[in-house]
N, C-alpha and C. Protein backbone atom coordinates (compact mmCIF):
# COMPACT_ATOMS: atom_id res chain seq x y z
N MET A 1 3.16 17.18 -14.03
CA MET A 1 2.67 17.19 -15.59
C MET A 1 2.00 15.92 -15.96
N ASN A 2 2.26 15.02 -14.64
CA ASN A 2 1.15 13.41 -14.70
C ASN A 2 -0.20 14.21 -14.79
N ARG A 3 -0.61 14.95 -14.07
CA ARG A 3 -2.05 15.31 -13.76
C ARG A 3 -2.48 15.74 -15.05
N LEU A 4 -1.58 16.47 -15.78
CA LEU A 4 -2.34 17.11 -17.25
C LEU A 4 -2.55 16.06 -18.12
N GLN A 5 -1.54 15.22 -18.28
CA GLN A 5 -1.73 14.20 -19.31
C GLN A 5 -1.32 12.66 -18.70
N PRO A 6 -2.18 11.89 -17.72
CA PRO A 6 -1.83 10.71 -16.91
C PRO A 6 -1.47 9.61 -17.84
N GLY A 7 -0.35 8.89 -17.70
CA GLY A 7 -0.12 7.83 -18.27
C GLY A 7 0.79 8.25 -19.50
N TRP A 8 1.30 9.52 -19.75
CA TRP A 8 1.92 9.75 -20.99
C TRP A 8 3.42 9.11 -20.74
N GLN A 9 3.65 8.36 -21.71
CA GLN A 9 4.88 7.54 -21.70
C GLN A 9 6.03 8.32 -21.50
N TRP A 10 5.94 9.38 -22.27
CA TRP A 10 7.18 10.24 -22.30
C TRP A 10 7.50 10.76 -21.01
N ASN A 11 6.44 11.15 -20.22
CA ASN A 11 6.44 11.89 -18.81
C ASN A 11 6.83 10.86 -17.96
N ILE A 12 6.65 9.52 -18.24
CA ILE A 12 6.87 8.48 -17.12
C ILE A 12 8.39 8.48 -17.34
N GLU A 13 8.86 8.15 -18.47
CA GLU A 13 10.41 7.83 -18.86
C GLU A 13 11.36 9.02 -18.19
N THR A 14 10.74 10.45 -18.60
CA THR A 14 11.56 11.46 -18.29
C THR A 14 11.53 12.02 -16.93
N PHE A 15 10.43 11.95 -16.26
CA PHE A 15 10.31 12.37 -14.89
C PHE A 15 9.83 11.33 -13.97
N GLY A 16 8.86 10.67 -14.41
CA GLY A 16 8.38 9.65 -13.18
C GLY A 16 9.12 8.83 -12.68
N LYS A 17 10.08 7.87 -13.56
CA LYS A 17 10.88 7.17 -12.88
C LYS A 17 12.23 7.73 -12.10
N ARG A 18 12.19 9.06 -12.41
CA ARG A 18 13.35 9.56 -11.54
C ARG A 18 12.96 10.47 -10.62
N SER A 19 11.64 10.55 -10.02
CA SER A 19 10.79 11.33 -8.85
C SER A 19 10.65 10.49 -7.74
N LEU A 20 9.76 11.03 -6.77
CA LEU A 20 9.47 10.16 -5.85
C LEU A 20 8.62 8.95 -6.25
N TYR A 21 7.95 9.04 -7.10
CA TYR A 21 7.28 7.71 -7.55
C TYR A 21 8.15 6.45 -7.70
N ARG A 22 9.32 6.68 -8.00
CA ARG A 22 10.23 5.49 -7.88
C ARG A 22 10.31 4.62 -6.84
N TYR A 23 10.15 5.39 -5.63
CA TYR A 23 9.84 4.69 -4.26
C TYR A 23 8.58 3.97 -3.88
N LEU A 24 7.56 4.59 -4.55
CA LEU A 24 6.26 4.23 -4.34
C LEU A 24 5.67 3.32 -5.54
N ILE A 25 6.04 3.05 -6.31
CA ILE A 25 5.81 2.18 -7.47
C ILE A 25 6.92 1.39 -8.28
N GLN A 26 6.66 0.40 -8.62
CA GLN A 26 7.72 -0.88 -9.29
C GLN A 26 7.36 -0.56 -10.75
N GLN A 27 6.12 -0.88 -11.07
CA GLN A 27 5.50 -0.97 -12.15
C GLN A 27 4.94 0.39 -12.88
N HIS A 28 5.97 1.03 -13.57
CA HIS A 28 5.69 2.45 -14.19
C HIS A 28 4.80 2.26 -15.63
N THR A 29 3.34 1.85 -15.39
CA THR A 29 2.69 1.97 -16.57
C THR A 29 1.74 2.96 -16.39
N PRO A 30 1.13 3.04 -17.71
CA PRO A 30 0.14 4.22 -17.98
C PRO A 30 -0.97 4.06 -17.01
N THR A 31 -1.63 2.78 -16.78
CA THR A 31 -2.61 2.82 -15.68
C THR A 31 -2.52 3.15 -14.35
N THR A 32 -1.21 2.71 -13.99
CA THR A 32 -0.52 3.01 -12.36
C THR A 32 -0.47 4.68 -12.30
N TYR A 33 0.07 5.18 -13.60
CA TYR A 33 0.27 6.61 -13.62
C TYR A 33 -1.32 7.67 -13.69
N GLN A 34 -2.13 6.70 -14.17
CA GLN A 34 -3.30 7.51 -14.03
C GLN A 34 -4.27 7.59 -12.59
N TYR A 35 -3.90 6.35 -12.00
CA TYR A 35 -4.30 6.28 -10.59
C TYR A 35 -3.48 7.30 -9.70
N LEU A 36 -2.20 7.68 -10.12
CA LEU A 36 -1.52 8.56 -9.31
C LEU A 36 -2.11 10.09 -9.75
N ALA A 37 -2.50 10.17 -10.83
CA ALA A 37 -3.08 11.40 -11.21
C ALA A 37 -4.40 11.67 -10.68
N SER A 38 -5.22 10.74 -10.77
CA SER A 38 -6.66 10.96 -10.19
C SER A 38 -6.85 10.76 -8.77
N ASP A 39 -5.96 9.94 -8.16
CA ASP A 39 -6.06 9.71 -6.57
C ASP A 39 -5.02 10.24 -5.64
N ALA A 40 -3.77 10.33 -6.04
CA ALA A 40 -2.47 10.24 -5.30
C ALA A 40 -2.34 11.74 -4.81
N MET A 41 -2.32 12.44 -5.84
CA MET A 41 -2.08 13.99 -5.58
C MET A 41 -3.23 14.68 -4.69
N SER A 42 -4.55 14.29 -4.95
CA SER A 42 -5.46 15.03 -3.91
C SER A 42 -5.28 14.19 -2.39
N ALA A 43 -4.82 13.20 -2.50
CA ALA A 43 -4.82 12.50 -1.00
C ALA A 43 -3.64 13.05 -0.40
N TYR A 44 -2.50 13.47 -1.27
CA TYR A 44 -1.39 13.95 -0.37
C TYR A 44 -1.83 15.42 -0.11
N LEU A 45 -2.41 16.07 -0.73
CA LEU A 45 -2.79 17.65 -0.58
C LEU A 45 -3.62 17.53 0.43
N GLN A 46 -4.62 16.56 0.85
CA GLN A 46 -5.59 16.72 1.96
C GLN A 46 -4.91 16.11 3.04
N THR A 47 -3.64 15.38 3.14
CA THR A 47 -3.11 15.12 4.46
C THR A 47 -2.76 16.09 5.42
N THR A 48 -3.64 16.30 6.72
CA THR A 48 -3.39 17.44 7.46
C THR A 48 -1.90 17.36 7.96
N SER A 49 -1.73 18.58 8.59
CA SER A 49 -0.45 18.60 9.15
C SER A 49 -0.22 18.11 10.45
N ASN A 50 -1.36 18.22 11.13
CA ASN A 50 -1.69 17.24 12.40
C ASN A 50 -1.40 15.75 12.04
N ALA A 51 -1.97 15.14 11.09
CA ALA A 51 -1.97 13.94 10.87
C ALA A 51 -0.15 13.33 10.65
N SER A 52 0.48 14.32 9.72
CA SER A 52 1.80 14.04 9.50
C SER A 52 2.56 14.31 10.79
N ARG A 53 2.61 15.20 11.71
CA ARG A 53 2.93 15.33 12.90
C ARG A 53 2.70 14.17 13.98
N ALA A 54 1.56 13.57 13.84
CA ALA A 54 1.52 12.56 14.58
C ALA A 54 2.31 11.35 14.15
N LEU A 55 2.22 11.03 12.79
CA LEU A 55 3.07 10.12 12.17
C LEU A 55 4.29 10.22 12.54
N ASN A 56 5.00 11.26 12.23
CA ASN A 56 6.44 11.48 12.95
C ASN A 56 6.87 11.39 13.98
N GLN A 57 5.94 11.74 14.99
CA GLN A 57 6.31 11.47 16.37
C GLN A 57 6.13 10.17 16.88
N ALA A 58 5.08 9.52 16.48
CA ALA A 58 5.11 7.94 16.78
C ALA A 58 6.36 7.32 16.10
N LEU A 59 6.95 7.34 14.72
CA LEU A 59 7.99 7.01 14.35
C LEU A 59 9.38 7.13 15.06
N LYS A 60 9.25 8.64 15.49
CA LYS A 60 10.19 8.94 16.35
C LYS A 60 10.36 8.24 17.91
N LEU A 61 9.21 7.88 18.40
CA LEU A 61 8.96 7.31 19.61
C LEU A 61 9.46 5.76 19.61
N GLY A 62 9.36 5.42 18.28
CA GLY A 62 9.65 3.66 18.19
C GLY A 62 8.26 3.23 18.35
N TYR A 63 7.16 3.77 17.95
CA TYR A 63 5.66 3.18 18.02
C TYR A 63 5.72 1.87 17.73
N ASP A 64 5.33 0.84 18.37
CA ASP A 64 5.34 -0.68 18.58
C ASP A 64 4.17 -1.03 19.02
N ARG A 65 3.00 -1.73 18.22
CA ARG A 65 1.96 -2.43 19.27
C ARG A 65 1.76 -3.71 18.87
N LEU A 66 3.04 -4.26 18.22
CA LEU A 66 2.86 -5.86 18.04
C LEU A 66 2.37 -6.66 19.16
N ALA A 67 2.90 -6.47 20.30
CA ALA A 67 2.34 -7.31 21.52
C ALA A 67 0.95 -7.17 21.88
N ASP A 68 0.13 -6.19 21.35
CA ASP A 68 -1.28 -5.90 21.35
C ASP A 68 -1.89 -6.59 20.27
N LEU A 69 -1.43 -7.07 19.24
CA LEU A 69 -2.12 -7.71 18.11
C LEU A 69 -2.75 -8.99 18.34
N LYS A 70 -2.48 -9.55 19.14
CA LYS A 70 -2.96 -10.89 19.93
C LYS A 70 -4.37 -10.95 20.41
N GLN A 71 -4.68 -9.42 20.54
CA GLN A 71 -6.22 -9.30 20.99
C GLN A 71 -7.09 -9.28 20.17
N ILE A 72 -6.56 -9.06 18.71
CA ILE A 72 -7.61 -9.25 17.61
C ILE A 72 -8.01 -10.51 17.28
N LYS A 73 -8.98 -11.03 17.30
CA LYS A 73 -9.41 -12.48 17.03
C LYS A 73 -10.06 -12.72 15.67
N CYS A 74 -10.47 -11.66 15.26
CA CYS A 74 -11.25 -12.01 13.88
C CYS A 74 -10.31 -12.44 12.54
N PRO A 75 -10.48 -12.82 11.60
CA PRO A 75 -9.60 -13.09 10.38
C PRO A 75 -9.13 -11.97 9.86
N CYS A 76 -7.91 -11.93 9.40
CA CYS A 76 -7.38 -10.84 8.83
C CYS A 76 -6.63 -11.02 7.47
N LEU A 77 -6.44 -10.07 6.79
CA LEU A 77 -5.71 -10.31 5.51
C LEU A 77 -4.59 -9.11 5.77
N VAL A 78 -3.47 -9.42 5.07
CA VAL A 78 -2.52 -8.50 5.17
C VAL A 78 -1.75 -8.63 3.96
N LEU A 79 -1.82 -7.39 3.22
CA LEU A 79 -1.16 -7.35 1.88
C LEU A 79 0.00 -6.52 2.06
N ALA A 80 0.91 -7.00 1.00
CA ALA A 80 2.24 -6.09 1.15
C ALA A 80 3.01 -6.07 -0.60
N GLY A 81 3.59 -5.17 -0.77
CA GLY A 81 4.61 -4.86 -1.96
C GLY A 81 5.71 -5.34 -1.40
N ALA A 82 6.15 -6.18 -2.33
CA ALA A 82 7.89 -6.77 -2.14
C ALA A 82 8.76 -5.87 -2.15
N GLU A 83 8.68 -4.75 -2.85
CA GLU A 83 9.56 -3.50 -2.81
C GLU A 83 9.20 -2.23 -1.99
N ASP A 84 8.06 -2.41 -1.21
CA ASP A 84 7.71 -1.32 -0.64
C ASP A 84 8.95 -0.76 0.52
N ARG A 85 9.55 0.35 0.39
CA ARG A 85 10.52 0.93 1.15
C ARG A 85 9.98 1.47 2.54
N HIS A 86 8.61 1.89 2.46
CA HIS A 86 7.83 2.49 3.65
C HIS A 86 7.43 1.56 4.58
N ILE A 87 6.52 0.56 4.23
CA ILE A 87 6.07 -0.46 4.86
C ILE A 87 6.75 -1.63 4.41
N THR A 88 7.67 -2.01 5.05
CA THR A 88 8.58 -3.28 4.39
C THR A 88 7.85 -4.44 4.32
N ALA A 89 7.93 -5.40 3.42
CA ALA A 89 7.42 -6.82 3.52
C ALA A 89 7.68 -7.42 4.65
N ALA A 90 8.79 -7.20 5.18
CA ALA A 90 9.39 -8.01 6.20
C ALA A 90 8.43 -7.33 7.18
N SER A 91 8.23 -6.25 7.47
CA SER A 91 7.43 -5.87 8.62
C SER A 91 5.95 -6.16 8.39
N SER A 92 5.37 -6.25 7.38
CA SER A 92 3.95 -6.74 7.18
C SER A 92 4.00 -8.05 7.56
N ARG A 93 4.76 -8.97 7.10
CA ARG A 93 4.93 -10.54 7.46
C ARG A 93 5.01 -10.39 8.95
N GLU A 94 5.65 -9.47 9.68
CA GLU A 94 6.04 -9.74 11.20
C GLU A 94 4.57 -9.19 11.83
N THR A 95 3.80 -8.51 11.15
CA THR A 95 2.71 -8.04 11.73
C THR A 95 1.46 -9.25 11.63
N ALA A 96 1.66 -9.81 10.46
CA ALA A 96 0.90 -10.78 10.19
C ALA A 96 0.94 -12.16 11.12
N GLN A 97 2.27 -12.31 11.27
CA GLN A 97 2.47 -13.26 12.27
C GLN A 97 2.05 -13.17 13.59
N HIS A 98 1.85 -11.91 14.05
CA HIS A 98 1.12 -11.68 15.19
C HIS A 98 -0.37 -11.64 15.34
N LEU A 99 -0.82 -11.84 14.21
CA LEU A 99 -2.28 -11.90 14.30
C LEU A 99 -2.74 -13.26 14.43
N HIS A 100 -3.98 -13.55 15.26
CA HIS A 100 -4.62 -14.85 15.45
C HIS A 100 -4.42 -15.51 14.28
N ASP A 101 -5.77 -15.24 13.52
CA ASP A 101 -5.82 -15.57 12.25
C ASP A 101 -5.89 -15.07 11.00
N CYS A 102 -4.75 -15.03 10.41
CA CYS A 102 -4.28 -14.10 9.20
C CYS A 102 -3.79 -14.95 8.23
N GLN A 103 -4.05 -14.50 6.73
CA GLN A 103 -3.39 -14.56 5.77
C GLN A 103 -2.77 -13.43 5.30
N TRP A 104 -1.46 -13.80 4.82
CA TRP A 104 -0.55 -13.00 4.45
C TRP A 104 -0.14 -12.99 2.77
N GLN A 105 0.02 -11.97 1.84
CA GLN A 105 0.21 -12.16 0.57
C GLN A 105 1.23 -10.82 0.38
N CYS A 106 2.42 -11.34 -0.27
CA CYS A 106 3.34 -10.49 -0.83
C CYS A 106 3.33 -10.55 -2.35
N TYR A 107 3.25 -9.32 -2.92
CA TYR A 107 3.23 -9.38 -4.38
C TYR A 107 4.53 -8.68 -4.81
N PRO A 108 5.25 -9.46 -5.88
CA PRO A 108 6.54 -9.44 -6.36
C PRO A 108 6.44 -8.30 -7.40
N HIS A 109 7.81 -7.47 -7.32
CA HIS A 109 7.66 -6.39 -8.21
C HIS A 109 6.55 -5.22 -8.05
N THR A 110 6.42 -4.87 -6.87
CA THR A 110 5.51 -3.91 -6.46
C THR A 110 6.11 -3.13 -5.24
N ALA A 111 5.48 -1.96 -5.20
CA ALA A 111 6.05 -1.16 -3.81
C ALA A 111 4.98 -0.79 -3.09
N HIS A 112 4.79 0.40 -2.46
CA HIS A 112 3.82 0.89 -1.36
C HIS A 112 2.59 1.04 -2.05
N LEU A 113 2.60 1.67 -3.23
CA LEU A 113 1.18 1.84 -4.15
C LEU A 113 0.65 0.44 -4.91
N PHE A 114 0.87 -0.61 -4.43
CA PHE A 114 0.62 -1.72 -5.11
C PHE A 114 -0.65 -2.01 -5.62
N PRO A 115 -1.61 -1.47 -4.96
CA PRO A 115 -2.90 -1.61 -5.53
C PRO A 115 -3.27 -0.89 -6.59
N TRP A 116 -2.45 0.21 -7.02
CA TRP A 116 -2.53 0.89 -8.18
C TRP A 116 -1.71 0.12 -9.41
N GLU A 117 -0.80 -0.67 -8.95
CA GLU A 117 -0.04 -1.38 -9.80
C GLU A 117 -0.57 -2.55 -10.35
N ILE A 118 -1.35 -3.29 -9.51
CA ILE A 118 -1.83 -4.65 -9.84
C ILE A 118 -3.37 -4.49 -9.36
N PRO A 119 -4.21 -3.83 -9.88
CA PRO A 119 -5.41 -3.40 -9.14
C PRO A 119 -6.40 -4.73 -9.45
N ASP A 120 -6.37 -5.48 -10.51
CA ASP A 120 -7.25 -6.67 -10.80
C ASP A 120 -6.73 -7.65 -9.93
N ARG A 121 -5.42 -8.04 -9.66
CA ARG A 121 -5.24 -9.01 -8.81
C ARG A 121 -5.40 -8.83 -7.59
N VAL A 122 -5.21 -7.30 -7.16
CA VAL A 122 -5.52 -7.15 -5.50
C VAL A 122 -7.04 -7.26 -5.52
N LEU A 123 -7.66 -7.00 -6.06
CA LEU A 123 -9.17 -7.01 -5.96
C LEU A 123 -9.71 -8.31 -5.98
N SER A 124 -8.94 -9.10 -6.97
CA SER A 124 -9.45 -10.65 -6.97
C SER A 124 -8.97 -11.24 -5.74
N ASP A 125 -7.86 -11.02 -5.23
CA ASP A 125 -7.14 -11.67 -4.03
C ASP A 125 -8.09 -11.47 -2.85
N ILE A 126 -8.78 -9.93 -2.82
CA ILE A 126 -9.33 -9.57 -1.50
C ILE A 126 -10.72 -10.35 -1.66
N ASP A 127 -11.44 -10.28 -3.04
CA ASP A 127 -12.79 -11.11 -3.24
C ASP A 127 -12.60 -12.45 -2.64
N ARG A 128 -11.52 -13.25 -3.19
CA ARG A 128 -11.56 -14.73 -2.75
C ARG A 128 -11.26 -14.81 -1.11
N TRP A 129 -10.67 -13.99 -0.60
CA TRP A 129 -10.27 -13.84 0.84
C TRP A 129 -11.85 -13.76 1.47
N ILE A 130 -12.42 -13.01 1.07
CA ILE A 130 -13.91 -12.41 1.56
C ILE A 130 -14.57 -13.91 1.45
N GLU A 131 -14.73 -14.60 0.40
CA GLU A 131 -15.38 -15.54 0.00
C GLU A 131 -15.11 -16.94 0.92
N GLN A 132 -13.68 -16.86 1.41
CA GLN A 132 -13.18 -17.81 2.32
C GLN A 132 -13.56 -17.66 3.84
N ASN A 133 -13.89 -16.08 3.94
CA ASN A 133 -14.14 -15.92 5.19
C ASN A 133 -15.44 -14.90 5.30
N PRO A 134 -16.71 -15.61 4.96
CA PRO A 134 -17.75 -14.90 4.85
C PRO A 134 -18.25 -14.22 6.10
N GLN A 135 -17.76 -14.59 7.29
CA GLN A 135 -18.13 -14.26 8.68
C GLN A 135 -17.62 -12.83 8.86
N VAL A 136 -16.60 -12.35 7.86
CA VAL A 136 -16.17 -10.74 8.10
C VAL A 136 -16.92 -9.85 7.43
N THR A 137 -17.97 -10.00 6.72
CA THR A 137 -19.03 -9.20 6.27
C THR A 137 -20.32 -9.19 7.11
N SER A 138 -20.57 -10.12 7.85
CA SER A 138 -21.78 -10.08 8.58
C SER A 138 -21.71 -9.48 9.86
């Protein structure tokens, strides 16, 4: 229904906050639901069964490459949503701690799709990080 009328408050209250979206976002705003309607559905539908199978297999086998992160020497930026249930803030922080030159940012009151919840803030933070690390774009 959100795809037909993105950001409709009645739909957000009646269905959105009770659907899978409750795990993917924390800020149930019309803007967030517009992103969900325009980008999330097509991304979900384009995910191949091979990709899903590979992810599930890696998770089942306990895929862990933390020890290899020390090989990455370039500056890194790790962003996380504090309420993300899929890639927890704690696991993102642990990843950041294993990277040689990393800045970590955790956004409160956001979840897995935080770039759609607070897009202006995320873009601003990325732009600032690139300004502070111009070597990453050359």
